Protein backbone atom coordinates (compact mmCIF):
# COMPACT_ATOMS: atom_id res chain seq x y z
CA MET A 1 0.00 0.00 0.00
CA LYS A 2 1.45 3.34 -1.05
CA LYS A 3 1.88 5.85 1.76
CA MET A 4 1.16 9.47 0.86
CA LEU A 5 1.43 12.81 2.58
CA PRO A 6 -1.24 15.46 2.20
CA GLY A 7 -0.51 17.06 -1.16
CA ALA A 8 0.34 20.60 -0.07
CA LEU A 9 3.18 19.70 2.24
CA ALA A 10 4.51 17.03 -0.10
CA LEU A 11 4.66 19.47 -3.01
CA ALA A 12 6.41 22.12 -0.91
CA ILE A 13 9.08 19.73 0.37
CA ILE A 14 9.63 18.34 -3.12
CA MET A 15 9.95 21.86 -4.46
CA LEU A 16 12.51 22.74 -1.81
CA SER A 17 14.49 19.52 -2.18
CA THR A 18 14.85 19.83 -5.95
CA THR A 19 15.51 23.56 -6.28
CA ALA A 20 19.08 24.79 -6.68
CA PHE A 21 20.07 27.62 -4.37
CA ALA A 22 22.77 29.88 -5.77
CA LEU A 23 23.31 31.46 -2.35
CA THR A 24 24.42 28.20 -0.69
CA LYS A 25 27.99 28.51 0.50
CA GLU A 26 30.46 25.69 -0.14
CA THR A 27 31.21 25.65 3.59
CA PHE A 28 27.64 24.84 4.67
CA LYS A 29 27.85 21.12 5.43
CA LEU A 30 25.56 18.50 6.93
CA SER A 31 26.73 15.14 8.27
CA SER A 32 25.51 12.21 10.34
CA SER A 33 27.46 9.93 12.66
CA ALA A 34 25.01 7.18 11.61
CA PHE A 35 26.35 6.86 8.03
CA GLU A 36 28.73 8.45 5.56
CA ASP A 37 27.26 10.43 2.67
CA GLY A 38 26.19 7.94 0.00
CA GLU A 39 26.51 4.89 2.27
CA VAL A 40 23.98 2.50 3.86
CA ILE A 41 21.72 3.66 6.71
CA ASP A 42 21.84 1.20 9.63
CA LEU A 43 18.81 -0.97 10.45
CA GLN A 44 18.22 0.75 13.82
CA TYR A 45 17.16 3.90 11.91
CA ALA A 46 14.72 2.01 9.64
CA GLY A 47 10.96 2.37 10.07
CA PRO A 48 8.79 0.06 12.16
CA GLY A 49 7.57 -1.77 9.05
CA ILE A 50 11.07 -3.22 8.59
CA LYS A 51 11.86 -6.33 10.63
CA GLY A 52 14.35 -5.20 13.28
CA GLY A 53 13.86 -1.52 12.44
CA GLY A 54 14.00 0.72 15.50
CA ASN A 55 12.61 3.91 13.90
CA ILE A 56 15.28 5.86 15.79
CA SER A 57 15.75 9.33 14.33
CA LEU A 58 19.08 10.07 12.71
CA PRO A 59 21.74 12.13 14.48
CA LEU A 60 22.64 15.20 12.39
CA THR A 61 25.40 17.79 12.72
CA TRP A 62 26.04 20.89 10.63
CA GLU A 63 28.48 23.75 10.23
CA GLY A 64 29.12 26.77 8.05
CA ALA A 65 25.56 28.08 7.83
CA PRO A 66 25.11 31.56 6.37
CA ASN A 67 25.79 34.25 9.01
CA ASP A 68 22.31 35.75 8.91
CA THR A 69 20.51 32.43 9.51
CA VAL A 70 17.48 32.88 11.80
CA SER A 71 16.22 29.28 11.79
CA PHE A 72 16.74 25.90 10.12
CA SER A 73 14.40 23.42 8.50
CA ILE A 74 15.00 19.72 7.80
CA SER A 75 13.49 17.42 5.20
CA MET A 76 14.15 13.72 4.65
CA VAL A 77 12.74 12.27 1.44
CA ASP A 78 12.94 8.92 -0.35
CA LEU A 79 14.21 9.98 -3.77
CA THR A 80 13.52 6.50 -5.16
CA ASP A 81 9.85 6.64 -4.16
CA ASN A 82 8.75 9.95 -5.70
CA ASN A 83 10.17 12.11 -2.89
CA LEU A 84 8.12 10.39 -0.20
CA ILE A 85 8.51 12.48 2.95
CA HIS A 86 9.99 10.75 6.01
CA TRP A 87 10.78 13.80 8.16
CA ALA A 88 10.00 17.51 8.02
CA VAL A 89 11.01 19.99 10.72
CA LEU A 90 10.58 23.78 10.89
CA ASN A 91 11.96 26.53 13.15
CA ILE A 92 15.10 24.92 14.54
CA PRO A 93 16.80 27.85 16.32
CA SER A 94 19.85 29.34 14.59
CA TRP A 95 22.16 28.54 17.51
CA VAL A 96 21.50 24.79 17.18
CA THR A 97 24.21 22.86 15.29
CA ASN A 98 23.01 19.29 15.79
CA ILE A 99 20.07 17.00 16.36
CA SER A 100 20.79 14.10 18.70
CA ARG A 101 20.20 10.44 17.87
CA ALA A 102 16.63 9.48 18.83
CA ALA A 103 15.60 13.12 19.35
CA SER A 104 12.30 12.82 17.46
CA PRO A 105 9.66 13.35 18.69
CA TRP A 106 10.37 14.10 22.36
CA TYR A 107 13.86 15.61 22.47
CA MET A 108 13.93 18.00 19.55
CA PRO A 109 15.34 21.51 20.04
CA TYR A 110 13.09 23.99 21.82
CA ALA A 111 10.63 25.91 19.60
CA CYS A 112 10.97 23.70 16.52
CA SER A 113 7.96 22.02 14.92
CA GLU A 114 7.93 18.55 13.44
CA LEU A 115 5.34 18.15 10.69
CA ARG A 116 3.28 15.16 9.59
CA ASN A 117 5.23 12.67 7.45
CA ALA A 118 4.00 10.47 4.60
CA PHE A 119 2.99 7.76 7.06
CA GLY A 120 0.55 10.06 8.85
CA THR A 121 2.54 10.57 12.04
CA ILE A 122 4.29 13.61 13.44
CA GLY A 123 8.09 13.42 13.41
CA TYR A 124 10.66 11.00 12.06
CA ALA A 125 9.70 7.94 10.03
CA GLY A 126 12.70 5.82 9.12
CA PRO A 127 13.38 4.15 5.78
CA ASP A 128 10.54 1.75 5.01
CA PRO A 129 10.72 0.64 1.36
CA GLU A 130 8.61 -2.22 0.08
CA LYS A 131 10.31 -5.60 0.29
CA GLY A 132 12.13 -6.43 -2.93
CA SER A 133 11.89 -2.88 -4.34
CA GLY A 134 15.69 -2.59 -4.46
CA PRO A 135 17.91 0.00 -2.81
CA HIS A 136 16.26 3.33 -2.03
CA VAL A 137 18.11 6.63 -1.72
CA TYR A 138 17.17 8.96 1.14
CA GLU A 139 18.13 12.62 1.00
CA ILE A 140 18.33 14.60 4.22
CA THR A 141 18.47 18.34 3.59
CA LEU A 142 19.03 21.16 6.04
CA TYR A 143 17.77 24.58 4.96
CA ALA A 144 19.12 27.81 6.45
CA LEU A 145 16.24 30.31 6.62
CA ASN A 146 16.21 34.07 7.07
CA ARG A 147 13.19 33.91 9.41
CA THR A 148 11.07 31.53 11.45
CA ILE A 149 8.03 30.05 9.76
CA ASP A 150 4.54 30.45 11.21
CA ILE A 151 2.27 27.94 9.52
CA LYS A 152 -0.85 26.73 11.32
CA GLY A 153 -3.46 24.11 10.51
CA ASN A 154 -3.31 22.27 7.20
CA PRO A 155 -1.40 24.70 4.96
CA SER A 156 -1.87 24.79 1.22
CA PHE A 157 1.00 24.54 -1.24
CA GLU A 158 0.85 28.29 -1.77
CA ASP A 159 0.97 28.95 2.01
CA ILE A 160 4.11 26.87 2.38
CA ARG A 161 5.69 28.31 -0.75
CA HIS A 162 4.98 31.84 0.47
CA HIS A 163 6.43 31.19 3.93
CA VAL A 164 9.32 28.80 3.29
CA PHE A 165 10.54 29.12 -0.28
CA GLY A 166 11.38 32.80 -0.07
CA ALA A 167 13.16 32.32 3.27
CA VAL A 168 15.83 29.86 2.10
CA MET A 169 19.36 31.30 2.22
CA GLY A 170 21.25 28.04 1.76
CA LYS A 171 21.02 24.29 1.96
CA ALA A 172 23.22 21.33 2.77
CA SER A 173 22.36 17.69 2.00
CA ILE A 174 23.52 14.14 2.56
CA ARG A 175 22.22 10.91 1.07
CA GLY A 176 21.94 7.43 2.51
CA LYS A 177 20.79 4.12 1.08
CA PHE A 178 18.52 1.45 2.50
CA GLU A 179 17.09 -1.77 1.05
CA ASN A 180 14.42 -4.11 2.38
CA LYS A 181 15.61 -7.50 1.07
């Protein structure tokens, strides 16, 4: 059964994850102690639909954000499955430089907001590809924003575009792979 996110949020995250940002500095970098960029994501971070998956949110660390950053946003999408959204976070304070392992949903930085993922829950949803669908590529992107984002209720695509798209000053991404054999 295909898992889908309400259209407005899905379209906004896809738009942000596929848009090139000329203002991104080469020094803005994102990393995870859970896997090297382009390598396999460990089973403990996989979703609950995967046998042995712990659905533990990924640890993330970043550096080199643009100087005028006011807040950060995170998206995690399955590029192999039409940009299926696994994690979306808004309003991470500018002084934060990492998200701890297993932070979602209870130990996220103060004032940030985790949004509903493609599986219908709030917060992190680990890799959960269909068995036998081959390796999937997951892109985790950190956006540096020039303001905080105030979106309430069930925002439309235009609401998100208006609030988020114009606020992006830079982005940093890493990719991991996962396969359900």
